[in-house]
Amino acid sequence: MAQNKLLRMDNMGIVVESLDKAISFFQEIGMKLEGRAMVEGEWAGHVTGLRDQSVEIAMMVTPDGHSRLEISQFIRPAIVSDHRSAPVNALGYLRAMFTVEDIGELVTRLKEKHGAQLVGEVTRYENSYLLCYLRAADGLLIGLAQQLSV
């Protein structure tokens, strides 16, 4: 019997308080808005198990077109849990990591324009990467990596 094989990872999803602010934040990083839509109705409730739901989503795509981030703002039902203040060693999905050209410049810009805050500090990992975690103004945890020339 042939084993079914994985084709690709389609996207990663996050829930936010403000879709407009999240779109602006991820555009600042360099992602492009691929589309925005309301998702509601019986079929959607069957997929998520939330029954009567209304959620506005935005699909963001990386410049290379290979990775997508689905950002969701729930209208109903109400959000039931908030993990934004969880430390980096908490169980569950926690952050997305993005590779960028200039980590210092981007961190400065995200702080100034979006109120982001460094969780620790920008740190060098051997001769490979500069890395950091930062929290967006709404608490989302984002990782940034800048590959160093060898």
N, C-alpha and C. Protein backbone atom coordinates (compact mmCIF):
# COMPACT_ATOMS: atom_id res chain seq x y z
N MET A 1 0.84 -1.18 0.00
CA MET A 1 0.00 0.00 0.00
C MET A 1 0.89 1.25 0.00
N ALA A 2 0.69 2.13 -0.94
CA ALA A 2 1.49 3.34 -1.05
C ALA A 2 1.12 4.32 0.06
N GLN A 3 2.15 4.96 0.61
CA GLN A 3 1.92 5.93 1.67
C GLN A 3 1.64 7.29 1.04
N ASN A 4 0.62 7.97 1.54
CA ASN A 4 0.30 9.31 1.07
C ASN A 4 1.44 10.24 1.47
N LYS A 5 1.90 11.10 0.56
CA LYS A 5 3.03 11.97 0.88
C LYS A 5 2.58 13.42 1.04
N LEU A 6 3.27 14.12 1.88
CA LEU A 6 3.04 15.54 2.10
C LEU A 6 3.47 16.30 0.86
N LEU A 7 2.64 17.23 0.39
CA LEU A 7 2.98 18.01 -0.79
C LEU A 7 3.67 19.32 -0.44
N ARG A 8 3.15 20.03 0.58
CA ARG A 8 3.74 21.31 1.00
C ARG A 8 3.02 21.79 2.25
N MET A 9 3.61 22.77 2.91
CA MET A 9 2.90 23.48 3.97
C MET A 9 2.21 24.65 3.31
N ASP A 10 0.90 24.75 3.46
CA ASP A 10 0.13 25.78 2.76
C ASP A 10 0.26 27.15 3.42
N ASN A 11 -0.01 27.20 4.72
CA ASN A 11 0.13 28.46 5.43
C ASN A 11 0.16 28.22 6.93
N MET A 12 0.47 29.27 7.66
CA MET A 12 0.42 29.27 9.11
C MET A 12 -0.60 30.33 9.49
N GLY A 13 -1.41 30.07 10.51
CA GLY A 13 -2.45 31.02 10.88
C GLY A 13 -2.23 31.61 12.26
N ILE A 14 -2.59 32.89 12.39
CA ILE A 14 -2.57 33.55 13.69
C ILE A 14 -3.86 34.35 13.85
N VAL A 15 -4.29 34.51 15.09
CA VAL A 15 -5.48 35.29 15.41
C VAL A 15 -5.02 36.59 16.03
N VAL A 16 -5.60 37.70 15.58
CA VAL A 16 -5.21 39.03 16.05
C VAL A 16 -6.43 39.82 16.49
N GLU A 17 -6.18 40.89 17.24
CA GLU A 17 -7.26 41.80 17.64
C GLU A 17 -7.63 42.75 16.51
N SER A 18 -6.63 43.24 15.78
CA SER A 18 -6.87 44.21 14.71
C SER A 18 -6.23 43.72 13.41
N LEU A 19 -7.06 43.37 12.47
CA LEU A 19 -6.56 42.89 11.19
C LEU A 19 -5.79 43.99 10.46
N ASP A 20 -6.28 45.21 10.50
CA ASP A 20 -5.61 46.32 9.81
C ASP A 20 -4.21 46.55 10.36
N LYS A 21 -4.06 46.54 11.69
CA LYS A 21 -2.75 46.75 12.30
C LYS A 21 -1.80 45.60 11.97
N ALA A 22 -2.31 44.37 11.99
CA ALA A 22 -1.47 43.21 11.68
C ALA A 22 -1.01 43.23 10.22
N ILE A 23 -1.92 43.58 9.32
CA ILE A 23 -1.55 43.69 7.90
C ILE A 23 -0.44 44.71 7.73
N SER A 24 -0.60 45.87 8.35
CA SER A 24 0.40 46.93 8.26
C SER A 24 1.75 46.46 8.81
N PHE A 25 1.72 45.75 9.94
CA PHE A 25 2.95 45.24 10.55
C PHE A 25 3.67 44.27 9.62
N PHE A 26 2.94 43.30 9.08
CA PHE A 26 3.58 42.30 8.22
C PHE A 26 3.99 42.89 6.87
N GLN A 27 3.30 43.92 6.40
CA GLN A 27 3.75 44.61 5.19
C GLN A 27 5.07 45.33 5.47
N GLU A 28 5.22 45.85 6.68
CA GLU A 28 6.48 46.53 7.05
C GLU A 28 7.64 45.54 7.02
N ILE A 29 7.39 44.30 7.40
CA ILE A 29 8.43 43.27 7.33
C ILE A 29 8.78 42.94 5.88
N GLY A 30 7.81 43.08 4.98
CA GLY A 30 8.05 42.81 3.57
C GLY A 30 7.07 41.85 2.93
N MET A 31 6.07 41.39 3.71
CA MET A 31 5.06 40.50 3.13
C MET A 31 4.06 41.32 2.32
N LYS A 32 3.42 40.66 1.38
CA LYS A 32 2.43 41.32 0.53
C LYS A 32 1.05 40.77 0.85
N LEU A 33 0.05 41.65 0.81
CA LEU A 33 -1.33 41.24 1.02
C LEU A 33 -1.82 40.54 -0.24
N GLU A 34 -2.12 39.26 -0.12
CA GLU A 34 -2.59 38.48 -1.27
C GLU A 34 -4.10 38.58 -1.42
N GLY A 35 -4.81 38.70 -0.29
CA GLY A 35 -6.26 38.82 -0.35
C GLY A 35 -6.85 38.97 1.04
N ARG A 36 -8.09 39.42 1.07
CA ARG A 36 -8.79 39.65 2.32
C ARG A 36 -10.25 39.26 2.10
N ALA A 37 -10.85 38.56 3.09
CA ALA A 37 -12.23 38.09 2.91
C ALA A 37 -12.88 37.78 4.25
N MET A 38 -14.21 37.75 4.24
CA MET A 38 -14.99 37.29 5.39
C MET A 38 -15.21 35.79 5.20
N VAL A 39 -15.08 35.05 6.29
CA VAL A 39 -15.33 33.61 6.27
C VAL A 39 -16.41 33.35 7.30
N GLU A 40 -17.56 32.92 6.82
CA GLU A 40 -18.66 32.63 7.73
C GLU A 40 -19.61 31.66 7.06
N GLY A 41 -20.53 31.17 7.83
CA GLY A 41 -21.49 30.23 7.30
C GLY A 41 -21.30 28.84 7.86
N GLU A 42 -22.26 27.99 7.57
CA GLU A 42 -22.28 26.64 8.13
C GLU A 42 -21.04 25.84 7.75
N TRP A 43 -20.59 25.94 6.51
CA TRP A 43 -19.44 25.16 6.07
C TRP A 43 -18.20 25.52 6.89
N ALA A 44 -17.99 26.81 7.17
CA ALA A 44 -16.82 27.24 7.93
C ALA A 44 -16.87 26.69 9.35
N GLY A 45 -18.04 26.70 9.95
CA GLY A 45 -18.21 26.16 11.29
C GLY A 45 -17.94 24.68 11.37
N HIS A 46 -18.23 23.96 10.28
CA HIS A 46 -17.93 22.52 10.24
C HIS A 46 -16.42 22.28 10.21
N VAL A 47 -15.70 23.14 9.52
CA VAL A 47 -14.25 22.98 9.43
C VAL A 47 -13.58 23.26 10.77
N THR A 48 -13.97 24.35 11.43
CA THR A 48 -13.30 24.78 12.66
C THR A 48 -13.90 24.19 13.93
N GLY A 49 -15.12 23.69 13.84
CA GLY A 49 -15.80 23.19 15.03
C GLY A 49 -16.41 24.29 15.87
N LEU A 50 -16.41 25.53 15.37
CA LEU A 50 -16.95 26.66 16.14
C LEU A 50 -18.41 26.95 15.82
N ARG A 51 -19.00 26.18 14.95
CA ARG A 51 -20.39 26.33 14.52
C ARG A 51 -20.64 27.69 13.90
N ASP A 52 -21.35 28.57 14.60
CA ASP A 52 -21.70 29.88 14.05
C ASP A 52 -20.51 30.83 14.22
N GLN A 53 -19.75 31.01 13.16
CA GLN A 53 -18.58 31.87 13.25
C GLN A 53 -18.61 32.93 12.17
N SER A 54 -17.97 34.02 12.46
CA SER A 54 -17.74 35.08 11.50
C SER A 54 -16.33 35.58 11.76
N VAL A 55 -15.48 35.45 10.76
CA VAL A 55 -14.07 35.83 10.92
C VAL A 55 -13.61 36.51 9.63
N GLU A 56 -12.88 37.61 9.79
CA GLU A 56 -12.28 38.26 8.63
C GLU A 56 -10.84 37.80 8.57
N ILE A 57 -10.41 37.37 7.39
CA ILE A 57 -9.05 36.89 7.22
C ILE A 57 -8.30 37.71 6.17
N ALA A 58 -7.00 37.73 6.32
CA ALA A 58 -6.12 38.31 5.32
C ALA A 58 -5.03 37.28 5.07
N MET A 59 -4.72 37.04 3.81
CA MET A 59 -3.64 36.13 3.45
C MET A 59 -2.45 36.97 3.01
N MET A 60 -1.33 36.79 3.74
CA MET A 60 -0.10 37.50 3.44
C MET A 60 0.86 36.50 2.81
N VAL A 61 1.68 36.96 1.88
CA VAL A 61 2.63 36.09 1.20
C VAL A 61 4.03 36.71 1.23
N THR A 62 5.03 35.85 1.38
CA THR A 62 6.41 36.32 1.38
C THR A 62 6.81 36.74 -0.04
N PRO A 63 7.83 37.59 -0.17
CA PRO A 63 8.23 38.06 -1.49
C PRO A 63 8.57 36.95 -2.48
N ASP A 64 9.08 35.81 -2.00
CA ASP A 64 9.41 34.72 -2.92
C ASP A 64 8.19 33.90 -3.34
N GLY A 65 7.04 34.17 -2.72
CA GLY A 65 5.81 33.48 -3.08
C GLY A 65 5.65 32.10 -2.49
N HIS A 66 6.58 31.65 -1.67
CA HIS A 66 6.55 30.28 -1.16
C HIS A 66 5.84 30.12 0.18
N SER A 67 5.78 31.17 0.99
CA SER A 67 5.22 31.04 2.33
C SER A 67 4.06 32.02 2.53
N ARG A 68 3.04 31.54 3.23
CA ARG A 68 1.88 32.37 3.48
C ARG A 68 1.54 32.39 4.96
N LEU A 69 0.96 33.49 5.39
CA LEU A 69 0.50 33.68 6.74
C LEU A 69 -0.97 34.10 6.67
N GLU A 70 -1.85 33.32 7.29
CA GLU A 70 -3.27 33.66 7.34
C GLU A 70 -3.53 34.36 8.66
N ILE A 71 -3.94 35.62 8.58
CA ILE A 71 -4.23 36.42 9.76
C ILE A 71 -5.74 36.48 9.92
N SER A 72 -6.24 36.15 11.11
CA SER A 72 -7.68 36.10 11.35
C SER A 72 -8.09 37.02 12.48
N GLN A 73 -9.19 37.75 12.25
CA GLN A 73 -9.81 38.56 13.31
C GLN A 73 -11.24 38.04 13.48
N PHE A 74 -11.50 37.41 14.63
CA PHE A 74 -12.82 36.83 14.88
C PHE A 74 -13.82 37.90 15.28
N ILE A 75 -14.95 37.90 14.59
CA ILE A 75 -16.08 38.75 14.94
C ILE A 75 -16.93 37.99 15.97
N ARG A 76 -17.19 36.71 15.64
CA ARG A 76 -17.84 35.79 16.58
C ARG A 76 -17.41 34.39 16.24
N PRO A 77 -17.30 33.51 17.19
CA PRO A 77 -17.48 33.75 18.62
C PRO A 77 -16.31 34.55 19.19
N ALA A 78 -16.48 34.98 20.42
CA ALA A 78 -15.44 35.77 21.09
C ALA A 78 -14.18 34.93 21.28
N ILE A 79 -13.05 35.58 21.32
CA ILE A 79 -11.77 34.91 21.59
C ILE A 79 -11.82 34.33 23.00
N VAL A 80 -11.36 33.10 23.16
CA VAL A 80 -11.48 32.42 24.45
C VAL A 80 -10.17 32.35 25.23
N SER A 81 -9.05 32.64 24.60
CA SER A 81 -7.76 32.51 25.29
C SER A 81 -6.77 33.48 24.67
N ASP A 82 -5.83 33.93 25.47
CA ASP A 82 -4.84 34.89 24.99
C ASP A 82 -3.45 34.38 25.38
N HIS A 83 -2.64 34.04 24.39
CA HIS A 83 -1.31 33.49 24.63
C HIS A 83 -0.20 34.50 24.36
N ARG A 84 -0.57 35.76 24.12
CA ARG A 84 0.43 36.73 23.69
C ARG A 84 1.50 37.04 24.73
N SER A 85 1.22 36.83 25.98
CA SER A 85 2.24 37.12 26.99
C SER A 85 3.01 35.86 27.41
N ALA A 86 2.74 34.75 26.73
CA ALA A 86 3.44 33.50 27.06
C ALA A 86 4.93 33.63 26.74
N PRO A 87 5.78 33.09 27.58
CA PRO A 87 7.21 33.11 27.29
C PRO A 87 7.54 32.15 26.14
N VAL A 88 8.74 32.27 25.60
CA VAL A 88 9.12 31.48 24.43
C VAL A 88 9.20 29.98 24.70
N ASN A 89 9.14 29.55 25.96
CA ASN A 89 9.17 28.12 26.24
C ASN A 89 7.78 27.56 26.56
N ALA A 90 6.71 28.29 26.22
CA ALA A 90 5.34 27.82 26.42
C ALA A 90 4.98 26.79 25.35
N LEU A 91 4.11 25.85 25.70
CA LEU A 91 3.67 24.84 24.74
C LEU A 91 2.76 25.45 23.69
N GLY A 92 2.79 24.90 22.50
CA GLY A 92 1.89 25.32 21.43
C GLY A 92 2.60 26.17 20.40
N TYR A 93 1.85 26.58 19.39
CA TYR A 93 2.40 27.45 18.36
C TYR A 93 2.66 28.80 18.96
N LEU A 94 3.85 29.31 18.73
CA LEU A 94 4.23 30.52 19.45
C LEU A 94 4.64 31.68 18.56
N ARG A 95 5.43 31.41 17.55
CA ARG A 95 5.96 32.52 16.76
C ARG A 95 6.23 32.08 15.33
N ALA A 96 6.37 33.06 14.48
CA ALA A 96 6.82 32.83 13.12
C ALA A 96 8.19 33.48 13.01
N MET A 97 9.11 32.85 12.26
CA MET A 97 10.46 33.37 12.07
C MET A 97 10.61 33.80 10.62
N PHE A 98 11.14 35.00 10.44
CA PHE A 98 11.34 35.55 9.10
C PHE A 98 12.81 35.85 8.89
N THR A 99 13.34 35.51 7.72
CA THR A 99 14.70 35.87 7.35
C THR A 99 14.65 37.22 6.65
N VAL A 100 15.49 38.14 7.09
CA VAL A 100 15.49 39.51 6.57
C VAL A 100 16.89 39.90 6.13
N GLU A 101 16.98 40.97 5.36
CA GLU A 101 18.29 41.44 4.88
C GLU A 101 19.07 42.18 5.94
N ASP A 102 18.41 43.09 6.67
CA ASP A 102 19.09 43.96 7.64
C ASP A 102 18.28 43.99 8.92
N ILE A 103 18.63 43.14 9.87
CA ILE A 103 17.86 42.98 11.10
C ILE A 103 17.84 44.26 11.93
N GLY A 104 18.97 44.96 12.01
CA GLY A 104 19.04 46.19 12.80
C GLY A 104 18.11 47.26 12.28
N GLU A 105 18.14 47.47 10.98
CA GLU A 105 17.30 48.48 10.36
C GLU A 105 15.82 48.14 10.55
N LEU A 106 15.47 46.86 10.35
CA LEU A 106 14.07 46.45 10.46
C LEU A 106 13.57 46.55 11.90
N VAL A 107 14.38 46.14 12.87
CA VAL A 107 13.98 46.26 14.28
C VAL A 107 13.72 47.73 14.62
N THR A 108 14.60 48.61 14.21
CA THR A 108 14.42 50.04 14.46
C THR A 108 13.13 50.55 13.85
N ARG A 109 12.87 50.17 12.61
CA ARG A 109 11.66 50.61 11.90
C ARG A 109 10.40 50.08 12.57
N LEU A 110 10.42 48.79 12.97
CA LEU A 110 9.24 48.19 13.62
C LEU A 110 8.98 48.82 14.98
N LYS A 111 10.03 49.21 15.69
CA LYS A 111 9.87 49.90 16.97
C LYS A 111 9.23 51.27 16.76
N GLU A 112 9.78 52.02 15.80
CA GLU A 112 9.32 53.39 15.56
C GLU A 112 7.92 53.45 14.97
N LYS A 113 7.65 52.64 13.99
CA LYS A 113 6.37 52.72 13.28
C LYS A 113 5.26 51.88 13.89
N HIS A 114 5.61 50.81 14.62
CA HIS A 114 4.59 49.87 15.08
C HIS A 114 4.64 49.57 16.57
N GLY A 115 5.53 50.25 17.30
CA GLY A 115 5.59 50.04 18.74
C GLY A 115 6.11 48.68 19.16
N ALA A 116 6.84 48.00 18.28
CA ALA A 116 7.39 46.68 18.61
C ALA A 116 8.47 46.82 19.67
N GLN A 117 8.66 45.75 20.45
CA GLN A 117 9.69 45.75 21.49
C GLN A 117 10.50 44.48 21.40
N LEU A 118 11.82 44.60 21.55
CA LEU A 118 12.68 43.42 21.60
C LEU A 118 12.37 42.63 22.85
N VAL A 119 12.32 41.30 22.73
CA VAL A 119 12.11 40.43 23.88
C VAL A 119 13.41 40.31 24.66
N GLY A 120 14.49 40.08 23.96
CA GLY A 120 15.82 40.00 24.57
C GLY A 120 16.69 41.03 23.87
N GLU A 121 17.61 40.53 23.05
CA GLU A 121 18.46 41.42 22.27
C GLU A 121 18.83 40.74 20.96
N VAL A 122 19.30 41.52 20.01
CA VAL A 122 19.80 40.94 18.76
C VAL A 122 21.10 40.23 19.11
N THR A 123 21.15 38.94 18.77
CA THR A 123 22.28 38.10 19.18
C THR A 123 22.87 37.39 17.98
N ARG A 124 24.18 37.26 18.00
CA ARG A 124 24.90 36.55 16.94
C ARG A 124 24.98 35.06 17.28
N TYR A 125 24.60 34.22 16.32
CA TYR A 125 24.78 32.78 16.47
C TYR A 125 25.95 32.37 15.58
N GLU A 126 27.07 32.08 16.21
CA GLU A 126 28.31 31.70 15.52
C GLU A 126 28.56 32.67 14.37
N ASN A 127 28.96 32.15 13.21
CA ASN A 127 29.16 33.01 12.04
C ASN A 127 28.02 32.84 11.05
N SER A 128 26.86 32.41 11.55
CA SER A 128 25.74 32.09 10.67
C SER A 128 24.65 33.15 10.61
N TYR A 129 24.16 33.57 11.80
CA TYR A 129 22.98 34.42 11.84
C TYR A 129 23.06 35.47 12.93
N LEU A 130 22.35 36.57 12.71
CA LEU A 130 21.92 37.46 13.78
C LEU A 130 20.46 37.12 14.00
N LEU A 131 20.07 36.97 15.26
CA LEU A 131 18.71 36.53 15.59
C LEU A 131 18.11 37.40 16.68
N CYS A 132 16.77 37.54 16.66
CA CYS A 132 16.08 38.18 17.77
C CYS A 132 14.61 37.80 17.75
N TYR A 133 13.98 37.96 18.90
CA TYR A 133 12.53 37.89 19.01
C TYR A 133 12.05 39.29 19.36
N LEU A 134 10.92 39.65 18.81
CA LEU A 134 10.30 40.91 19.19
C LEU A 134 8.80 40.71 19.29
N ARG A 135 8.18 41.58 20.08
CA ARG A 135 6.72 41.56 20.20
C ARG A 135 6.18 42.78 19.48
N ALA A 136 5.19 42.51 18.63
CA ALA A 136 4.47 43.60 17.98
C ALA A 136 3.66 44.32 19.06
N ALA A 137 3.17 45.50 18.76
CA ALA A 137 2.42 46.28 19.74
C ALA A 137 1.24 45.50 20.31
N ASP A 138 0.64 44.61 19.49
CA ASP A 138 -0.51 43.83 19.98
C ASP A 138 -0.07 42.54 20.67
N GLY A 139 1.24 42.35 20.87
CA GLY A 139 1.73 41.22 21.62
C GLY A 139 2.19 40.02 20.82
N LEU A 140 1.99 40.02 19.51
CA LEU A 140 2.43 38.89 18.70
C LEU A 140 3.94 38.73 18.79
N LEU A 141 4.40 37.50 18.93
CA LEU A 141 5.83 37.21 19.01
C LEU A 141 6.33 36.85 17.62
N ILE A 142 7.35 37.57 17.16
CA ILE A 142 7.91 37.38 15.82
C ILE A 142 9.41 37.17 15.96
N GLY A 143 9.96 36.22 15.22
CA GLY A 143 11.40 36.01 15.18
C GLY A 143 11.97 36.58 13.91
N LEU A 144 13.14 37.18 14.00
CA LEU A 144 13.84 37.71 12.83
C LEU A 144 15.23 37.07 12.78
N ALA A 145 15.67 36.75 11.58
CA ALA A 145 17.00 36.17 11.36
C ALA A 145 17.65 36.86 10.17
N GLN A 146 18.91 37.21 10.34
CA GLN A 146 19.68 37.75 9.23
C GLN A 146 20.86 36.83 9.01
N GLN A 147 20.93 36.21 7.83
CA GLN A 147 22.04 35.31 7.53
C GLN A 147 23.29 36.14 7.30
N LEU A 148 24.37 35.71 7.91
CA LEU A 148 25.64 36.41 7.77
C LEU A 148 26.45 35.82 6.63
N SER A 149 27.23 36.66 5.98
CA SER A 149 28.11 36.17 4.92
C SER A 149 29.21 35.34 5.53
N VAL A 150 29.59 34.27 4.85
CA VAL A 150 30.65 33.40 5.38
C VAL A 150 31.96 33.72 4.73
